[in-house]
Amino acid sequence: IDAAPGIDLLQVGHRGVNLVRVGDAWAFRTAGDLAFLMSRDTVQQRKLSRAALDVLAIIAYHQPVTRAEIEDIRGVETSKGTLDTLMETEWIRMRG
């Protein structure tokens, strides 16, 4: 079976999906002029809790800082959820 004519037909522009060569293989890709339809522009806004704001301020001022030092400064235990929230939003990262 000679697939070349079919491949040539699929490579013709003016389609929403194009057949492109990727290395030794072929792949379907969204046409460049329609790529904006595939992007997700939604930004999820999350309000930080008072505890998360406190922890973030302490880290910004005293960095690098350990969890024990944060708890010592705040005078209360810092929940794992607070730190997880800040790491998920990429406001902080764990080191060491």
C-alpha atoms as a PDB file:
ATOM      1  CA  ILE A   1       0.000   0.000   0.000  1.00  0.00           C
ATOM      2  CA  ASP A   2       1.381   3.378  -0.999  1.00  0.00           C
ATOM      3  CA  ALA A   3       0.478   5.885   1.718  1.00  0.00           C
ATOM      4  CA  ALA A   4       2.309   8.829   0.122  1.00  0.00           C
ATOM      5  CA  PRO A   5      -0.738  10.261  -1.727  1.00  0.00           C
ATOM      6  CA  GLY A   6      -2.809  10.118   1.456  1.00  0.00           C
ATOM      7  CA  ILE A   7      -0.056  11.745   3.486  1.00  0.00           C
ATOM      8  CA  ASP A   8       0.299  14.497   0.872  1.00  0.00           C
ATOM      9  CA  LEU A   9      -3.436  15.123   1.052  1.00  0.00           C
ATOM     10  CA  LEU A  10      -3.356  15.364   4.864  1.00  0.00           C
ATOM     11  CA  GLN A  11      -0.397  17.761   4.793  1.00  0.00           C
ATOM     12  CA  VAL A  12      -2.294  20.335   2.742  1.00  0.00           C
ATOM     13  CA  GLY A  13      -2.872  23.474   4.803  1.00  0.00           C
ATOM     14  CA  HIS A  14      -6.172  25.179   5.580  1.00  0.00           C
ATOM     15  CA  ARG A  15      -7.263  22.476   7.999  1.00  0.00           C
ATOM     16  CA  GLY A  16      -7.803  22.604  11.733  1.00  0.00           C
ATOM     17  CA  VAL A  17      -5.482  19.663  12.277  1.00  0.00           C
ATOM     18  CA  ASN A  18      -2.328  19.110  10.261  1.00  0.00           C
ATOM     19  CA  LEU A  19      -0.160  16.053   9.778  1.00  0.00           C
ATOM     20  CA  VAL A  20       3.466  16.870  10.577  1.00  0.00           C
ATOM     21  CA  ARG A  21       6.649  14.840  10.589  1.00  0.00           C
ATOM     22  CA  VAL A  22       8.188  14.468  14.049  1.00  0.00           C
ATOM     23  CA  GLY A  23      11.536  12.722  13.759  1.00  0.00           C
ATOM     24  CA  ASP A  24      10.896   9.390  12.063  1.00  0.00           C
ATOM     25  CA  ALA A  25       7.174   9.424  12.847  1.00  0.00           C
ATOM     26  CA  TRP A  26       4.062  11.382  11.955  1.00  0.00           C
ATOM     27  CA  ALA A  27       1.764  13.266  14.328  1.00  0.00           C
ATOM     28  CA  PHE A  28      -1.399  15.320  14.107  1.00  0.00           C
ATOM     29  CA  ARG A  29      -1.014  18.884  15.420  1.00  0.00           C
ATOM     30  CA  THR A  30      -3.457  21.749  15.788  1.00  0.00           C
ATOM     31  CA  ALA A  31      -3.035  24.339  13.053  1.00  0.00           C
ATOM     32  CA  GLY A  32      -0.977  27.304  14.221  1.00  0.00           C
ATOM     33  CA  ASP A  33      -3.715  29.832  13.454  1.00  0.00           C
ATOM     34  CA  LEU A  34      -6.130  27.909  15.704  1.00  0.00           C
ATOM     35  CA  ALA A  35      -3.763  27.228  18.602  1.00  0.00           C
ATOM     36  CA  PHE A  36      -5.318  30.052  20.627  1.00  0.00           C
ATOM     37  CA  LEU A  37      -8.507  27.985  20.865  1.00  0.00           C
ATOM     38  CA  MET A  38      -6.615  25.197  22.617  1.00  0.00           C
ATOM     39  CA  SER A  39      -4.984  27.362  25.272  1.00  0.00           C
ATOM     40  CA  ARG A  40      -6.464  27.574  28.724  1.00  0.00           C
ATOM     41  CA  ASP A  41      -6.478  31.163  29.833  1.00  0.00           C
ATOM     42  CA  THR A  42      -8.373  30.579  33.027  1.00  0.00           C
ATOM     43  CA  VAL A  43      -6.459  31.621  36.087  1.00  0.00           C
ATOM     44  CA  GLN A  44      -7.680  30.075  39.269  1.00  0.00           C
ATOM     45  CA  GLN A  45      -7.649  32.583  42.077  1.00  0.00           C
ATOM     46  CA  ARG A  46      -7.249  31.328  45.606  1.00  0.00           C
ATOM     47  CA  LYS A  47      -7.472  33.390  48.716  1.00  0.00           C
ATOM     48  CA  LEU A  48      -4.762  32.605  51.207  1.00  0.00           C
ATOM     49  CA  SER A  49      -5.754  32.061  54.810  1.00  0.00           C
ATOM     50  CA  ARG A  50      -4.481  34.362  57.521  1.00  0.00           C
ATOM     51  CA  ALA A  51      -2.106  31.598  58.646  1.00  0.00           C
ATOM     52  CA  ALA A  52      -0.742  31.184  55.106  1.00  0.00           C
ATOM     53  CA  LEU A  53      -0.136  34.928  54.829  1.00  0.00           C
ATOM     54  CA  ASP A  54       1.646  34.915  58.201  1.00  0.00           C
ATOM     55  CA  VAL A  55       3.851  31.997  57.164  1.00  0.00           C
ATOM     56  CA  LEU A  56       4.602  33.596  53.799  1.00  0.00           C
ATOM     57  CA  ALA A  57       5.614  36.870  55.459  1.00  0.00           C
ATOM     58  CA  ILE A  58       7.878  35.054  57.923  1.00  0.00           C
ATOM     59  CA  ILE A  59       9.543  33.086  55.132  1.00  0.00           C
ATOM     60  CA  ALA A  60      10.044  36.222  53.038  1.00  0.00           C
ATOM     61  CA  TYR A  61      11.646  38.073  55.940  1.00  0.00           C
ATOM     62  CA  HIS A  62      13.695  35.291  57.549  1.00  0.00           C
ATOM     63  CA  GLN A  63      14.552  33.022  54.606  1.00  0.00           C
ATOM     64  CA  PRO A  64      15.882  30.417  54.651  1.00  0.00           C
ATOM     65  CA  VAL A  65      13.810  29.267  57.605  1.00  0.00           C
ATOM     66  CA  THR A  66      12.730  25.904  59.008  1.00  0.00           C
ATOM     67  CA  ARG A  67       9.218  24.904  59.961  1.00  0.00           C
ATOM     68  CA  ALA A  68      10.264  24.861  63.635  1.00  0.00           C
ATOM     69  CA  GLU A  69      11.531  28.440  63.332  1.00  0.00           C
ATOM     70  CA  ILE A  70       8.264  29.521  61.711  1.00  0.00           C
ATOM     71  CA  GLU A  71       6.300  27.945  64.559  1.00  0.00           C
ATOM     72  CA  ASP A  72       8.581  29.590  67.126  1.00  0.00           C
ATOM     73  CA  ILE A  73       8.057  33.031  65.562  1.00  0.00           C
ATOM     74  CA  ARG A  74       4.278  32.591  65.218  1.00  0.00           C
ATOM     75  CA  GLY A  75       3.871  30.960  68.614  1.00  0.00           C
ATOM     76  CA  VAL A  76       1.505  28.339  67.200  1.00  0.00           C
ATOM     77  CA  GLU A  77       1.851  25.106  65.259  1.00  0.00           C
ATOM     78  CA  THR A  78       1.850  25.475  61.472  1.00  0.00           C
ATOM     79  CA  SER A  79      -0.332  22.919  59.725  1.00  0.00           C
ATOM     80  CA  LYS A  80       1.018  20.829  56.879  1.00  0.00           C
ATOM     81  CA  GLY A  81      -1.909  22.059  54.775  1.00  0.00           C
ATOM     82  CA  THR A  82      -0.737  25.654  55.041  1.00  0.00           C
ATOM     83  CA  LEU A  83       2.719  24.778  53.763  1.00  0.00           C
ATOM     84  CA  ASP A  84       1.258  22.482  51.077  1.00  0.00           C
ATOM     85  CA  THR A  85      -0.945  25.317  49.810  1.00  0.00           C
ATOM     86  CA  LEU A  86       2.031  27.654  49.526  1.00  0.00           C
ATOM     87  CA  MET A  87       4.072  24.982  47.722  1.00  0.00           C
ATOM     88  CA  GLU A  88       1.221  24.166  45.300  1.00  0.00           C
ATOM     89  CA  THR A  89       0.948  27.820  44.326  1.00  0.00           C
ATOM     90  CA  GLU A  90       4.742  27.871  43.945  1.00  0.00           C
ATOM     91  CA  TRP A  91       5.131  30.747  46.397  1.00  0.00           C
ATOM     92  CA  ILE A  92       7.632  28.695  48.387  1.00  0.00           C
ATOM     93  CA  ARG A  93       9.744  25.610  47.815  1.00  0.00           C
ATOM     94  CA  MET A  94      11.289  23.123  50.181  1.00  0.00           C
ATOM     95  CA  ARG A  95      15.049  22.950  50.399  1.00  0.00           C
ATOM     96  CA  GLY A  96      17.178  20.250  51.931  1.00  0.00           C
END
